[in-house]
Amino acid sequence: MTARVQPEIVQADDLLASIDGAANAVVCQAAPIGQVTIIGPGAGPQLAGQGVLSDIIAVARRQAENS
């Protein structure tokens, strides 16, 4: 299993390139369903940053439990 959270540069025609303002988006790639994109209203940069950090901690803990 691989899990990651990271900023990436996307092509101008990518769905994520159209996300603007306080909107958030996440793309998940999983077998067998393939790619799923979720887009919704965000809470602003401070809370979004806290959410990303929380997700990174959760992933690290889960990987440590499965090691």
PDB file of N, CA and C in Angstrom:
ATOM      1  N   MET A   1       0.841  -1.178   0.000  1.00  0.00           N
ATOM      2  CA  MET A   1       0.000   0.000   0.000  1.00  0.00           C
ATOM      3  C   MET A   1       0.884   1.239   0.000  1.00  0.00           C
ATOM      4  N   THR A   2       0.470   2.219  -0.766  1.00  0.00           N
ATOM      5  CA  THR A   2       1.180   3.490  -0.812  1.00  0.00           C
ATOM      6  C   THR A   2       0.190   4.602  -0.514  1.00  0.00           C
ATOM      7  N   ALA A   3       0.592   5.521   0.358  1.00  0.00           N
ATOM      8  CA  ALA A   3      -0.236   6.693   0.659  1.00  0.00           C
ATOM      9  C   ALA A   3       0.665   7.904   0.671  1.00  0.00           C
ATOM     10  N   ARG A   4       0.188   8.997   0.094  1.00  0.00           N
ATOM     11  CA  ARG A   4       0.993  10.219   0.109  1.00  0.00           C
ATOM     12  C   ARG A   4       0.096  11.439   0.005  1.00  0.00           C
ATOM     13  N   VAL A   5       0.581  12.503   0.559  1.00  0.00           N
ATOM     14  CA  VAL A   5      -0.065  13.805   0.454  1.00  0.00           C
ATOM     15  C   VAL A   5       1.036  14.762   0.055  1.00  0.00           C
ATOM     16  N   GLN A   6       0.856  15.417  -1.085  1.00  0.00           N
ATOM     17  CA  GLN A   6       1.907  16.314  -1.554  1.00  0.00           C
ATOM     18  C   GLN A   6       1.367  17.293  -2.570  1.00  0.00           C
ATOM     19  N   PRO A   7       1.949  18.474  -2.630  1.00  0.00           N
ATOM     20  CA  PRO A   7       1.577  19.407  -3.689  1.00  0.00           C
ATOM     21  C   PRO A   7       2.211  18.944  -5.006  1.00  0.00           C
ATOM     22  N   GLU A   8       1.510  19.154  -6.096  1.00  0.00           N
ATOM     23  CA  GLU A   8       2.033  18.800  -7.418  1.00  0.00           C
ATOM     24  C   GLU A   8       1.626  19.854  -8.425  1.00  0.00           C
ATOM     25  N   ILE A   9       2.447  20.052  -9.426  1.00  0.00           N
ATOM     26  CA  ILE A   9       2.099  20.917 -10.545  1.00  0.00           C
ATOM     27  C   ILE A   9       1.231  20.091 -11.487  1.00  0.00           C
ATOM     28  N   VAL A  10       0.119  20.673 -11.918  1.00  0.00           N
ATOM     29  CA  VAL A  10      -0.785  19.969 -12.831  1.00  0.00           C
ATOM     30  C   VAL A  10      -0.888  20.733 -14.146  1.00  0.00           C
ATOM     31  N   GLN A  11      -1.226  20.021 -15.205  1.00  0.00           N
ATOM     32  CA  GLN A  11      -1.416  20.644 -16.516  1.00  0.00           C
ATOM     33  C   GLN A  11      -2.640  21.563 -16.469  1.00  0.00           C
ATOM     34  N   ALA A  12      -2.665  22.555 -17.320  1.00  0.00           N
ATOM     35  CA  ALA A  12      -3.764  23.531 -17.341  1.00  0.00           C
ATOM     36  C   ALA A  12      -5.119  22.888 -17.621  1.00  0.00           C
ATOM     37  N   ASP A  13      -5.135  21.762 -18.348  1.00  0.00           N
ATOM     38  CA  ASP A  13      -6.411  21.114 -18.661  1.00  0.00           C
ATOM     39  C   ASP A  13      -6.822  20.073 -17.625  1.00  0.00           C
ATOM     40  N   ASP A  14      -6.056  19.923 -16.555  1.00  0.00           N
ATOM     41  CA  ASP A  14      -6.391  18.989 -15.474  1.00  0.00           C
ATOM     42  C   ASP A  14      -7.541  19.562 -14.645  1.00  0.00           C
ATOM     43  N   LEU A  15      -8.438  18.707 -14.172  1.00  0.00           N
ATOM     44  CA  LEU A  15      -9.566  19.142 -13.348  1.00  0.00           C
ATOM     45  C   LEU A  15      -9.090  19.941 -12.133  1.00  0.00           C
ATOM     46  N   LEU A  16      -7.981  19.538 -11.529  1.00  0.00           N
ATOM     47  CA  LEU A  16      -7.478  20.239 -10.344  1.00  0.00           C
ATOM     48  C   LEU A  16      -7.014  21.661 -10.646  1.00  0.00           C
ATOM     49  N   ALA A  17      -6.676  21.947 -11.898  1.00  0.00           N
ATOM     50  CA  ALA A  17      -6.233  23.296 -12.267  1.00  0.00           C
ATOM     51  C   ALA A  17      -7.365  24.314 -12.165  1.00  0.00           C
ATOM     52  N   SER A  18      -8.607  23.852 -12.176  1.00  0.00           N
ATOM     53  CA  SER A  18      -9.747  24.765 -12.111  1.00  0.00           C
ATOM     54  C   SER A  18     -10.190  25.055 -10.672  1.00  0.00           C
ATOM     55  N   ILE A  19      -9.570  24.424  -9.682  1.00  0.00           N
ATOM     56  CA  ILE A  19      -9.924  24.667  -8.278  1.00  0.00           C
ATOM     57  C   ILE A  19      -9.404  26.043  -7.899  1.00  0.00           C
ATOM     58  N   ASP A  20     -10.270  26.875  -7.323  1.00  0.00           N
ATOM     59  CA  ASP A  20      -9.888  28.259  -7.060  1.00  0.00           C
ATOM     60  C   ASP A  20     -10.431  28.706  -5.712  1.00  0.00           C
ATOM     61  N   GLY A  21      -9.858  29.770  -5.186  1.00  0.00           N
ATOM     62  CA  GLY A  21     -10.339  30.338  -3.934  1.00  0.00           C
ATOM     63  C   GLY A  21     -10.160  29.388  -2.773  1.00  0.00           C
ATOM     64  N   ALA A  22     -11.184  29.277  -1.942  1.00  0.00           N
ATOM     65  CA  ALA A  22     -11.112  28.444  -0.738  1.00  0.00           C
ATOM     66  C   ALA A  22     -11.582  27.013  -0.990  1.00  0.00           C
ATOM     67  N   ALA A  23     -11.811  26.647  -2.253  1.00  0.00           N
ATOM     68  CA  ALA A  23     -12.246  25.280  -2.565  1.00  0.00           C
ATOM     69  C   ALA A  23     -11.095  24.302  -2.349  1.00  0.00           C
ATOM     70  N   ASN A  24     -11.430  23.093  -1.960  1.00  0.00           N
ATOM     71  CA  ASN A  24     -10.452  22.031  -1.772  1.00  0.00           C
ATOM     72  C   ASN A  24     -10.776  20.894  -2.719  1.00  0.00           C
ATOM     73  N   ALA A  25      -9.758  20.130  -3.072  1.00  0.00           N
ATOM     74  CA  ALA A  25      -9.959  18.951  -3.908  1.00  0.00           C
ATOM     75  C   ALA A  25      -8.959  17.887  -3.503  1.00  0.00           C
ATOM     76  N   VAL A  26      -9.382  16.653  -3.648  1.00  0.00           N
ATOM     77  CA  VAL A  26      -8.493  15.522  -3.384  1.00  0.00           C
ATOM     78  C   VAL A  26      -8.747  14.485  -4.472  1.00  0.00           C
ATOM     79  N   VAL A  27      -7.665  13.876  -4.932  1.00  0.00           N
ATOM     80  CA  VAL A  27      -7.754  12.816  -5.934  1.00  0.00           C
ATOM     81  C   VAL A  27      -7.253  11.538  -5.280  1.00  0.00           C
ATOM     82  N   CYS A  28      -8.067  10.510  -5.329  1.00  0.00           N
ATOM     83  CA  CYS A  28      -7.699   9.206  -4.772  1.00  0.00           C
ATOM     84  C   CYS A  28      -7.641   8.199  -5.908  1.00  0.00           C
ATOM     85  N   GLN A  29      -6.575   7.411  -5.915  1.00  0.00           N
ATOM     86  CA  GLN A  29      -6.419   6.338  -6.891  1.00  0.00           C
ATOM     87  C   GLN A  29      -6.438   5.047  -6.102  1.00  0.00           C
ATOM     88  N   ALA A  30      -7.406   4.184  -6.364  1.00  0.00           N
ATOM     89  CA  ALA A  30      -7.534   2.957  -5.594  1.00  0.00           C
ATOM     90  C   ALA A  30      -8.060   1.829  -6.470  1.00  0.00           C
ATOM     91  N   ALA A  31      -7.550   0.636  -6.201  1.00  0.00           N
ATOM     92  CA  ALA A  31      -8.045  -0.551  -6.905  1.00  0.00           C
ATOM     93  C   ALA A  31      -9.259  -1.061  -6.151  1.00  0.00           C
ATOM     94  N   PRO A  32     -10.259  -1.526  -6.765  1.00  0.00           N
ATOM     95  CA  PRO A  32     -10.481  -1.650  -8.207  1.00  0.00           C
ATOM     96  C   PRO A  32     -11.253  -0.491  -8.823  1.00  0.00           C
ATOM     97  N   ILE A  33     -11.540   0.578  -8.066  1.00  0.00           N
ATOM     98  CA  ILE A  33     -12.430   1.626  -8.591  1.00  0.00           C
ATOM     99  C   ILE A  33     -11.729   2.637  -9.484  1.00  0.00           C
ATOM    100  N   GLY A  34     -10.414   2.732  -9.402  1.00  0.00           N
ATOM    101  CA  GLY A  34      -9.688   3.700 -10.218  1.00  0.00           C
ATOM    102  C   GLY A  34      -9.596   5.049  -9.532  1.00  0.00           C
ATOM    103  N   GLN A  35      -9.642   6.116 -10.310  1.00  0.00           N
ATOM    104  CA  GLN A  35      -9.456   7.467  -9.784  1.00  0.00           C
ATOM    105  C   GLN A  35     -10.785   8.092  -9.370  1.00  0.00           C
ATOM    106  N   VAL A  36     -10.809   8.688  -8.173  1.00  0.00           N
ATOM    107  CA  VAL A  36     -11.971   9.394  -7.657  1.00  0.00           C
ATOM    108  C   VAL A  36     -11.519  10.787  -7.251  1.00  0.00           C
ATOM    109  N   THR A  37     -12.238  11.816  -7.688  1.00  0.00           N
ATOM    110  CA  THR A  37     -11.922  13.195  -7.330  1.00  0.00           C
ATOM    111  C   THR A  37     -13.067  13.760  -6.504  1.00  0.00           C
ATOM    112  N   ILE A  38     -12.732  14.351  -5.366  1.00  0.00           N
ATOM    113  CA  ILE A  38     -13.725  14.952  -4.483  1.00  0.00           C
ATOM    114  C   ILE A  38     -13.404  16.443  -4.383  1.00  0.00           C
ATOM    115  N   ILE A  39     -14.390  17.287  -4.640  1.00  0.00           N
ATOM    116  CA  ILE A  39     -14.211  18.739  -4.609  1.00  0.00           C
ATOM    117  C   ILE A  39     -15.281  19.327  -3.700  1.00  0.00           C
ATOM    118  N   GLY A  40     -14.879  20.257  -2.831  1.00  0.00           N
ATOM    119  CA  GLY A  40     -15.842  20.883  -1.947  1.00  0.00           C
ATOM    120  C   GLY A  40     -15.321  22.177  -1.370  1.00  0.00           C
ATOM    121  N   PRO A  41     -16.170  22.874  -0.632  1.00  0.00           N
ATOM    122  CA  PRO A  41     -15.743  24.136  -0.037  1.00  0.00           C
ATOM    123  C   PRO A  41     -14.676  23.907   1.025  1.00  0.00           C
ATOM    124  N   GLY A  42     -13.750  24.828   1.080  1.00  0.00           N
ATOM    125  CA  GLY A  42     -12.672  24.736   2.062  1.00  0.00           C
ATOM    126  C   GLY A  42     -12.874  25.699   3.209  1.00  0.00           C
ATOM    127  N   ALA A  43     -12.010  25.619   4.182  1.00  0.00           N
ATOM    128  CA  ALA A  43     -12.114  26.454   5.372  1.00  0.00           C
ATOM    129  C   ALA A  43     -11.039  27.532   5.416  1.00  0.00           C
ATOM    130  N   GLY A  44     -10.275  27.682   4.344  1.00  0.00           N
ATOM    131  CA  GLY A  44      -9.216  28.673   4.315  1.00  0.00           C
ATOM    132  C   GLY A  44      -7.858  28.029   4.544  1.00  0.00           C
ATOM    133  N   PRO A  45      -6.787  28.790   4.315  1.00  0.00           N
ATOM    134  CA  PRO A  45      -5.434  28.210   4.342  1.00  0.00           C
ATOM    135  C   PRO A  45      -4.980  27.672   5.696  1.00  0.00           C
ATOM    136  N   GLN A  46      -5.339  28.318   6.794  1.00  0.00           N
ATOM    137  CA  GLN A  46      -4.879  27.845   8.099  1.00  0.00           C
ATOM    138  C   GLN A  46      -5.492  26.488   8.443  1.00  0.00           C
ATOM    139  N   LEU A  47      -6.804  26.366   8.329  1.00  0.00           N
ATOM    140  CA  LEU A  47      -7.451  25.097   8.645  1.00  0.00           C
ATOM    141  C   LEU A  47      -7.103  24.025   7.622  1.00  0.00           C
ATOM    142  N   ALA A  48      -6.910  24.410   6.361  1.00  0.00           N
ATOM    143  CA  ALA A  48      -6.507  23.422   5.357  1.00  0.00           C
ATOM    144  C   ALA A  48      -5.128  22.873   5.684  1.00  0.00           C
ATOM    145  N   GLY A  49      -4.215  23.728   6.091  1.00  0.00           N
ATOM    146  CA  GLY A  49      -2.872  23.286   6.481  1.00  0.00           C
ATOM    147  C   GLY A  49      -2.924  22.350   7.677  1.00  0.00           C
ATOM    148  N   GLN A  50      -3.760  22.655   8.630  1.00  0.00           N
ATOM    149  CA  GLN A  50      -3.921  21.786   9.802  1.00  0.00           C
ATOM    150  C   GLN A  50      -4.486  20.441   9.368  1.00  0.00           C
ATOM    151  N   GLY A  51      -5.420  20.452   8.427  1.00  0.00           N
ATOM    152  CA  GLY A  51      -6.008  19.211   7.932  1.00  0.00           C
ATOM    153  C   GLY A  51      -4.986  18.342   7.214  1.00  0.00           C
ATOM    154  N   VAL A  52      -4.140  18.966   6.401  1.00  0.00           N
ATOM    155  CA  VAL A  52      -3.094  18.216   5.697  1.00  0.00           C
ATOM    156  C   VAL A  52      -2.130  17.599   6.695  1.00  0.00           C
ATOM    157  N   LEU A  53      -1.702  18.369   7.694  1.00  0.00           N
ATOM    158  CA  LEU A  53      -0.803  17.836   8.714  1.00  0.00           C
ATOM    159  C   LEU A  53      -1.459  16.684   9.467  1.00  0.00           C
ATOM    160  N   SER A  54      -2.720  16.821   9.805  1.00  0.00           N
ATOM    161  CA  SER A  54      -3.448  15.751  10.482  1.00  0.00           C
ATOM    162  C   SER A  54      -3.492  14.489   9.624  1.00  0.00           C
ATOM    163  N   ASP A  55      -3.709  14.655   8.318  1.00  0.00           N
ATOM    164  CA  ASP A  55      -3.735  13.505   7.416  1.00  0.00           C
ATOM    165  C   ASP A  55      -2.370  12.822   7.340  1.00  0.00           C
ATOM    166  N   ILE A  56      -1.302  13.607   7.275  1.00  0.00           N
ATOM    167  CA  ILE A  56       0.049  13.040   7.215  1.00  0.00           C
ATOM    168  C   ILE A  56       0.340  12.233   8.477  1.00  0.00           C
ATOM    169  N   ILE A  57      -0.041  12.760   9.627  1.00  0.00           N
ATOM    170  CA  ILE A  57       0.158  12.042  10.892  1.00  0.00           C
ATOM    171  C   ILE A  57      -0.636  10.746  10.908  1.00  0.00           C
ATOM    172  N   ALA A  58      -1.881  10.785  10.436  1.00  0.00           N
ATOM    173  CA  ALA A  58      -2.720   9.583  10.408  1.00  0.00           C
ATOM    174  C   ALA A  58      -2.127   8.517   9.491  1.00  0.00           C
ATOM    175  N   VAL A  59      -1.625   8.915   8.336  1.00  0.00           N
ATOM    176  CA  VAL A  59      -1.007   7.964   7.409  1.00  0.00           C
ATOM    177  C   VAL A  59       0.238   7.353   8.035  1.00  0.00           C
ATOM    178  N   ALA A  60       1.069   8.184   8.654  1.00  0.00           N
ATOM    179  CA  ALA A  60       2.292   7.675   9.290  1.00  0.00           C
ATOM    180  C   ALA A  60       1.962   6.698  10.410  1.00  0.00           C
ATOM    181  N   ARG A  61       0.966   7.009  11.202  1.00  0.00           N
ATOM    182  CA  ARG A  61       0.576   6.088  12.289  1.00  0.00           C
ATOM    183  C   ARG A  61       0.073   4.770  11.730  1.00  0.00           C
ATOM    184  N   ARG A  62      -0.748   4.825  10.697  1.00  0.00           N
ATOM    185  CA  ARG A  62      -1.286   3.594  10.104  1.00  0.00           C
ATOM    186  C   ARG A  62      -0.161   2.746   9.503  1.00  0.00           C
ATOM    187  N   GLN A  63       0.786   3.382   8.851  1.00  0.00           N
ATOM    188  CA  GLN A  63       1.898   2.635   8.278  1.00  0.00           C
ATOM    189  C   GLN A  63       2.758   2.013   9.375  1.00  0.00           C
ATOM    190  N   ALA A  64       2.938   2.732  10.485  1.00  0.00           N
ATOM    191  CA  ALA A  64       3.702   2.195  11.610  1.00  0.00           C
ATOM    192  C   ALA A  64       2.987   0.993  12.225  1.00  0.00           C
ATOM    193  N   GLU A  65       1.657   1.048  12.289  1.00  0.00           N
ATOM    194  CA  GLU A  65       0.888  -0.071  12.831  1.00  0.00           C
ATOM    195  C   GLU A  65       0.977  -1.288  11.934  1.00  0.00           C
ATOM    196  N   ASN A  66       1.079  -1.085  10.632  1.00  0.00           N
ATOM    197  CA  ASN A  66       1.112  -2.180   9.670  1.00  0.00           C
ATOM    198  C   ASN A  66       2.512  -2.695   9.394  1.00  0.00           C
ATOM    199  N   SER A  67       3.520  -2.096  10.018  1.00  0.00           N
ATOM    200  CA  SER A  67       4.917  -2.517   9.780  1.00  0.00           C
ATOM    201  C   SER A  67       5.296  -3.693  10.635  1.00  0.00           C
TER     202      SER A  67
END
